[in-house]
């Protein structure tokens, strides 16, 4: 652990880990490998041209997700924020390329978030908050070829992310609940549900606008042609 991360002692927030240079390097390599694996699996039996297009479109969507995740409408004190529809861009990958491609890209995005803004108190917490929570956005691929698949897939991905953030809040941050006169489950539900729920409502409203729906349908055709 000392090669990839170093422990930070903080009296206010408690002890946590910060990534070293080797840690950042390892995460970048893993992120690239996961994304490439997703393209290979998602394009099984298809032309190399399609795999290249999948990689390009997935990378662009991840970049847009990363940029919009930094545009925060509001932010909670201990992490979590309502962003400019950043979750949508990751869910789009599953909508374009199905479950396997969506999950792989979403997991890679989880590594990217870990690189950019890491907060690690333990390995299980890191996996839950970053890899599993963001990776769950790839569940949007379950509705890739369904009617209203984008909205249904987005909601599925967001619910998946919420499950893992709720578990993280319950298990790793439940001690803060007493400060708000709440039980740990209620505290985690309210805390994580507030920002994830708000961004979900905003994004679904935007997706229901006819020009947006038509535009994203055209983008899907471009991503798959």
Protein backbone atom coordinates (compact mmCIF):
# COMPACT_ATOMS: atom_id res chain seq x y z
CA UNK A 1 0.00 0.00 0.00
CA UNK A 2 2.88 2.39 0.72
CA UNK A 3 4.06 2.17 -2.92
CA UNK A 4 0.75 3.37 -4.34
CA UNK A 5 -0.64 5.50 -1.50
CA UNK A 6 0.49 7.32 1.59
CA UNK A 7 -1.51 7.82 4.77
CA UNK A 8 -2.59 11.34 5.71
CA UNK A 9 -3.41 12.06 9.35
CA UNK A 10 -6.13 14.67 9.74
CA UNK A 11 -7.69 15.47 13.12
CA UNK A 12 -10.87 16.88 11.57
CA UNK A 13 -11.62 14.27 8.89
CA UNK A 14 -9.69 11.34 10.31
CA UNK A 15 -6.95 9.36 8.62
CA UNK A 16 -7.17 8.82 4.88
CA UNK A 17 -4.87 7.89 2.00
CA UNK A 18 -3.47 10.00 -0.82
CA UNK A 19 -2.19 8.44 -4.02
CA UNK A 20 1.51 8.51 -4.85
CA UNK A 21 2.94 8.95 -8.34
CA UNK A 22 3.05 5.19 -8.74
CA UNK A 23 -0.57 5.01 -7.63
CA UNK A 24 -1.68 7.53 -10.25
CA UNK A 25 0.32 5.72 -12.92
CA UNK A 26 -1.19 2.35 -12.03
CA UNK A 27 -4.72 3.76 -12.13
CA UNK A 28 -4.16 5.34 -15.55
CA UNK A 29 -2.90 2.04 -16.94
CA UNK A 30 -5.84 0.14 -15.44
CA UNK A 31 -8.32 2.69 -16.79
CA UNK A 32 -6.94 2.36 -20.33
CA UNK A 33 -6.93 -1.45 -20.18
CA UNK A 34 -10.51 -1.56 -18.89
CA UNK A 35 -11.74 0.77 -21.62
CA UNK A 36 -9.96 -1.24 -24.31
CA UNK A 37 -11.40 -4.47 -22.90
CA UNK A 38 -14.87 -2.96 -23.02
CA UNK A 39 -14.44 -2.07 -26.67
CA UNK A 40 -13.22 -5.57 -27.55
CA UNK A 41 -16.01 -7.31 -25.65
CA UNK A 42 -18.71 -4.90 -26.77
CA UNK A 43 -17.69 -5.30 -30.40
CA UNK A 44 -17.32 -9.08 -30.37
CA UNK A 45 -17.53 -10.47 -33.88
CA UNK A 46 -17.69 -7.06 -35.54
CA UNK A 47 -15.26 -5.11 -37.64
CA UNK A 48 -12.14 -3.46 -36.27
CA UNK A 49 -13.51 -0.17 -37.61
CA UNK A 50 -16.42 -0.40 -35.20
CA UNK A 51 -14.14 -1.16 -32.26
CA UNK A 52 -12.12 1.95 -33.08
CA UNK A 53 -15.27 4.06 -33.33
CA UNK A 54 -16.49 2.66 -30.01
CA UNK A 55 -13.22 3.59 -28.36
CA UNK A 56 -13.35 7.11 -29.79
CA UNK A 57 -16.99 7.76 -28.86
CA UNK A 58 -16.51 6.27 -25.40
CA UNK A 59 -13.43 8.39 -24.79
CA UNK A 60 -15.25 11.55 -25.89
CA UNK A 61 -18.22 10.76 -23.64
CA UNK A 62 -15.89 10.15 -20.69
CA UNK A 63 -14.11 13.44 -21.35
CA UNK A 64 -17.43 15.30 -21.44
CA UNK A 65 -18.50 13.55 -18.23
CA UNK A 66 -15.25 14.59 -16.58
CA UNK A 67 -15.60 18.22 -17.66
CA UNK A 68 -19.26 18.50 -16.65
CA UNK A 69 -18.53 16.81 -13.31
CA UNK A 70 -16.43 19.87 -12.49
CA UNK A 71 -19.36 22.21 -13.21
CA UNK A 72 -21.18 21.91 -9.90
CA UNK A 73 -24.57 23.49 -9.31
CA UNK A 74 -24.07 22.83 -5.61
CA UNK A 75 -21.78 20.69 -3.51
CA UNK A 76 -22.25 18.95 -0.16
CA UNK A 77 -19.64 19.40 2.59
CA UNK A 78 -18.42 15.79 2.74
CA UNK A 79 -18.50 14.99 -0.94
CA UNK A 80 -21.24 14.61 -3.52
CA UNK A 81 -22.56 17.33 -5.81
CA UNK A 82 -25.18 18.14 -8.40
CA UNK A 83 -23.28 18.52 -11.66
CA UNK A 84 -24.17 19.56 -15.18
CA UNK A 85 -25.59 16.14 -16.20
CA UNK A 86 -22.22 14.40 -15.92
CA UNK A 87 -23.78 10.99 -15.20
CA UNK A 88 -25.69 11.15 -18.48
CA UNK A 89 -22.55 11.06 -20.61
CA UNK A 90 -21.42 7.79 -19.00
CA UNK A 91 -24.88 6.27 -19.33
CA UNK A 92 -24.84 7.20 -23.01
CA UNK A 93 -22.02 4.71 -23.60
CA UNK A 94 -24.18 1.84 -22.37
CA UNK A 95 -27.06 3.17 -24.47
CA UNK A 96 -24.83 3.09 -27.54
CA UNK A 97 -22.92 -0.15 -27.04
CA UNK A 98 -24.87 -2.33 -24.62
CA UNK A 99 -24.19 -3.71 -21.17
CA UNK A 100 -20.64 -5.00 -21.53
CA UNK A 101 -19.29 -1.90 -23.27
CA UNK A 102 -21.20 0.36 -20.88
CA UNK A 103 -19.95 -1.37 -17.74
CA UNK A 104 -16.33 -1.38 -18.88
CA UNK A 105 -16.39 2.30 -19.81
CA UNK A 106 -18.15 3.23 -16.57
CA UNK A 107 -15.60 1.30 -14.50
CA UNK A 108 -12.81 3.07 -16.40
CA UNK A 109 -14.52 6.36 -15.56
CA UNK A 110 -14.52 5.34 -11.91
CA UNK A 111 -10.74 5.00 -12.10
CA UNK A 112 -10.56 8.40 -13.78
CA UNK A 113 -12.56 10.00 -10.96
CA UNK A 114 -10.22 8.33 -8.50
CA UNK A 115 -7.24 9.85 -10.29
CA UNK A 116 -8.69 13.35 -10.39
CA UNK A 117 -10.33 13.61 -6.97
CA UNK A 118 -9.29 10.75 -4.64
CA UNK A 119 -10.56 10.39 -1.09
CA UNK A 120 -9.55 7.02 0.31
CA UNK A 121 -9.97 5.84 3.88
CA UNK A 122 -9.69 2.14 3.03
CA UNK A 123 -9.57 -0.20 0.04
CA UNK A 124 -13.22 -1.34 0.48
CA UNK A 125 -14.38 2.29 0.67
CA UNK A 126 -12.36 3.18 -2.43
CA UNK A 127 -13.88 0.30 -4.39
CA UNK A 128 -17.41 1.13 -3.25
CA UNK A 129 -17.27 4.89 -3.82
CA UNK A 130 -15.37 4.92 -7.08
CA UNK A 131 -15.18 1.63 -8.96
CA UNK A 132 -18.54 0.09 -8.05
CA UNK A 133 -20.59 3.30 -7.76
CA UNK A 134 -19.47 4.89 -11.02
CA UNK A 135 -19.21 1.49 -12.69
CA UNK A 136 -22.90 0.91 -11.98
CA UNK A 137 -23.75 3.72 -14.42
CA UNK A 138 -22.96 1.17 -17.13
CA UNK A 139 -26.19 -0.62 -16.25
CA UNK A 140 -27.76 1.77 -18.74
CA UNK A 141 -26.73 -0.84 -21.31
CA UNK A 142 -29.55 -3.10 -20.11
CA UNK A 143 -31.97 -0.92 -22.07
CA UNK A 144 -29.79 -0.24 -25.09
CA UNK A 145 -32.31 -1.57 -27.59
CA UNK A 146 -35.52 -0.90 -25.68
CA UNK A 147 -38.20 1.70 -26.29
CA UNK A 148 -37.36 4.82 -24.24
CA UNK A 149 -34.06 3.05 -23.64
CA UNK A 150 -32.06 6.17 -22.88
CA UNK A 151 -34.29 7.38 -20.05
CA UNK A 152 -34.82 3.88 -18.65
CA UNK A 153 -31.12 3.12 -18.92
CA UNK A 154 -30.15 6.39 -17.28
CA UNK A 155 -32.48 5.72 -14.35
CA UNK A 156 -31.12 2.15 -14.02
CA UNK A 157 -27.54 3.42 -13.99
CA UNK A 158 -28.29 6.11 -11.45
CA UNK A 159 -30.12 3.67 -9.18
CA UNK A 160 -27.11 1.39 -9.38
CA UNK A 161 -24.80 4.21 -8.39
CA UNK A 162 -27.11 5.21 -5.55
CA UNK A 163 -27.09 1.68 -4.11
CA UNK A 164 -23.31 1.75 -3.77
CA UNK A 165 -23.11 5.31 -2.46
CA UNK A 166 -25.81 4.42 0.09
CA UNK A 167 -23.79 1.40 1.22
CA UNK A 168 -20.66 3.51 1.47
CA UNK A 169 -22.42 6.12 3.56
CA UNK A 170 -23.93 3.46 5.79
CA UNK A 171 -20.76 1.43 6.32
CA UNK A 172 -17.92 3.93 6.16
CA UNK A 173 -19.49 7.28 7.11
CA UNK A 174 -22.40 6.24 9.32
CA UNK A 175 -20.64 7.65 12.38
CA UNK A 176 -21.61 11.16 11.22
CA UNK A 177 -25.32 10.33 11.51
CA UNK A 178 -25.48 11.07 15.25
CA UNK A 179 -24.44 14.67 14.57
CA UNK A 180 -27.71 15.13 12.67
CA UNK A 181 -29.86 13.09 15.07
CA UNK A 182 -30.37 10.39 12.46
CA UNK A 183 -29.74 6.69 12.22
CA UNK A 184 -26.97 5.65 9.85
CA UNK A 185 -29.33 4.26 7.14
CA UNK A 186 -31.50 7.39 7.15
CA UNK A 187 -28.47 9.66 7.12
CA UNK A 188 -26.91 7.85 4.16
CA UNK A 189 -30.20 7.75 2.26
CA UNK A 190 -30.89 11.46 2.75
CA UNK A 191 -27.32 12.60 2.17
CA UNK A 192 -26.66 10.61 -0.99
CA UNK A 193 -30.22 10.72 -2.27
CA UNK A 194 -30.27 14.52 -2.15
CA UNK A 195 -27.59 15.20 -4.73
CA UNK A 196 -28.07 12.09 -6.87
CA UNK A 197 -31.84 12.55 -6.89
CA UNK A 198 -31.62 16.24 -7.77
CA UNK A 199 -29.29 15.64 -10.71
CA UNK A 200 -31.45 12.72 -11.88
CA UNK A 201 -34.60 14.85 -11.97
CA UNK A 202 -32.84 17.67 -13.83
CA UNK A 203 -31.34 15.27 -16.38
CA UNK A 204 -34.59 13.37 -17.04
CA UNK A 205 -36.42 16.65 -17.65
CA UNK A 206 -33.76 17.63 -20.18
CA UNK A 207 -33.94 14.22 -21.87
CA UNK A 208 -37.70 14.57 -22.29
CA UNK A 209 -37.29 17.71 -24.39
CA UNK A 210 -38.03 16.71 -28.03
CA UNK A 211 -34.97 18.45 -29.56
CA UNK A 212 -32.67 16.75 -27.05
CA UNK A 213 -34.25 13.32 -27.59
CA UNK A 214 -33.99 13.64 -31.39
CA UNK A 215 -30.41 14.89 -31.19
CA UNK A 216 -29.25 12.03 -28.96
CA UNK A 217 -31.03 9.50 -31.21
CA UNK A 218 -29.01 10.83 -34.15
CA UNK A 219 -25.81 10.62 -32.12
CA UNK A 220 -26.53 6.95 -31.37
CA UNK A 221 -26.86 6.27 -35.10
CA UNK A 222 -23.52 7.99 -35.69
CA UNK A 223 -21.88 5.99 -32.88
CA UNK A 224 -23.04 2.69 -34.35
CA UNK A 225 -22.67 3.26 -38.09
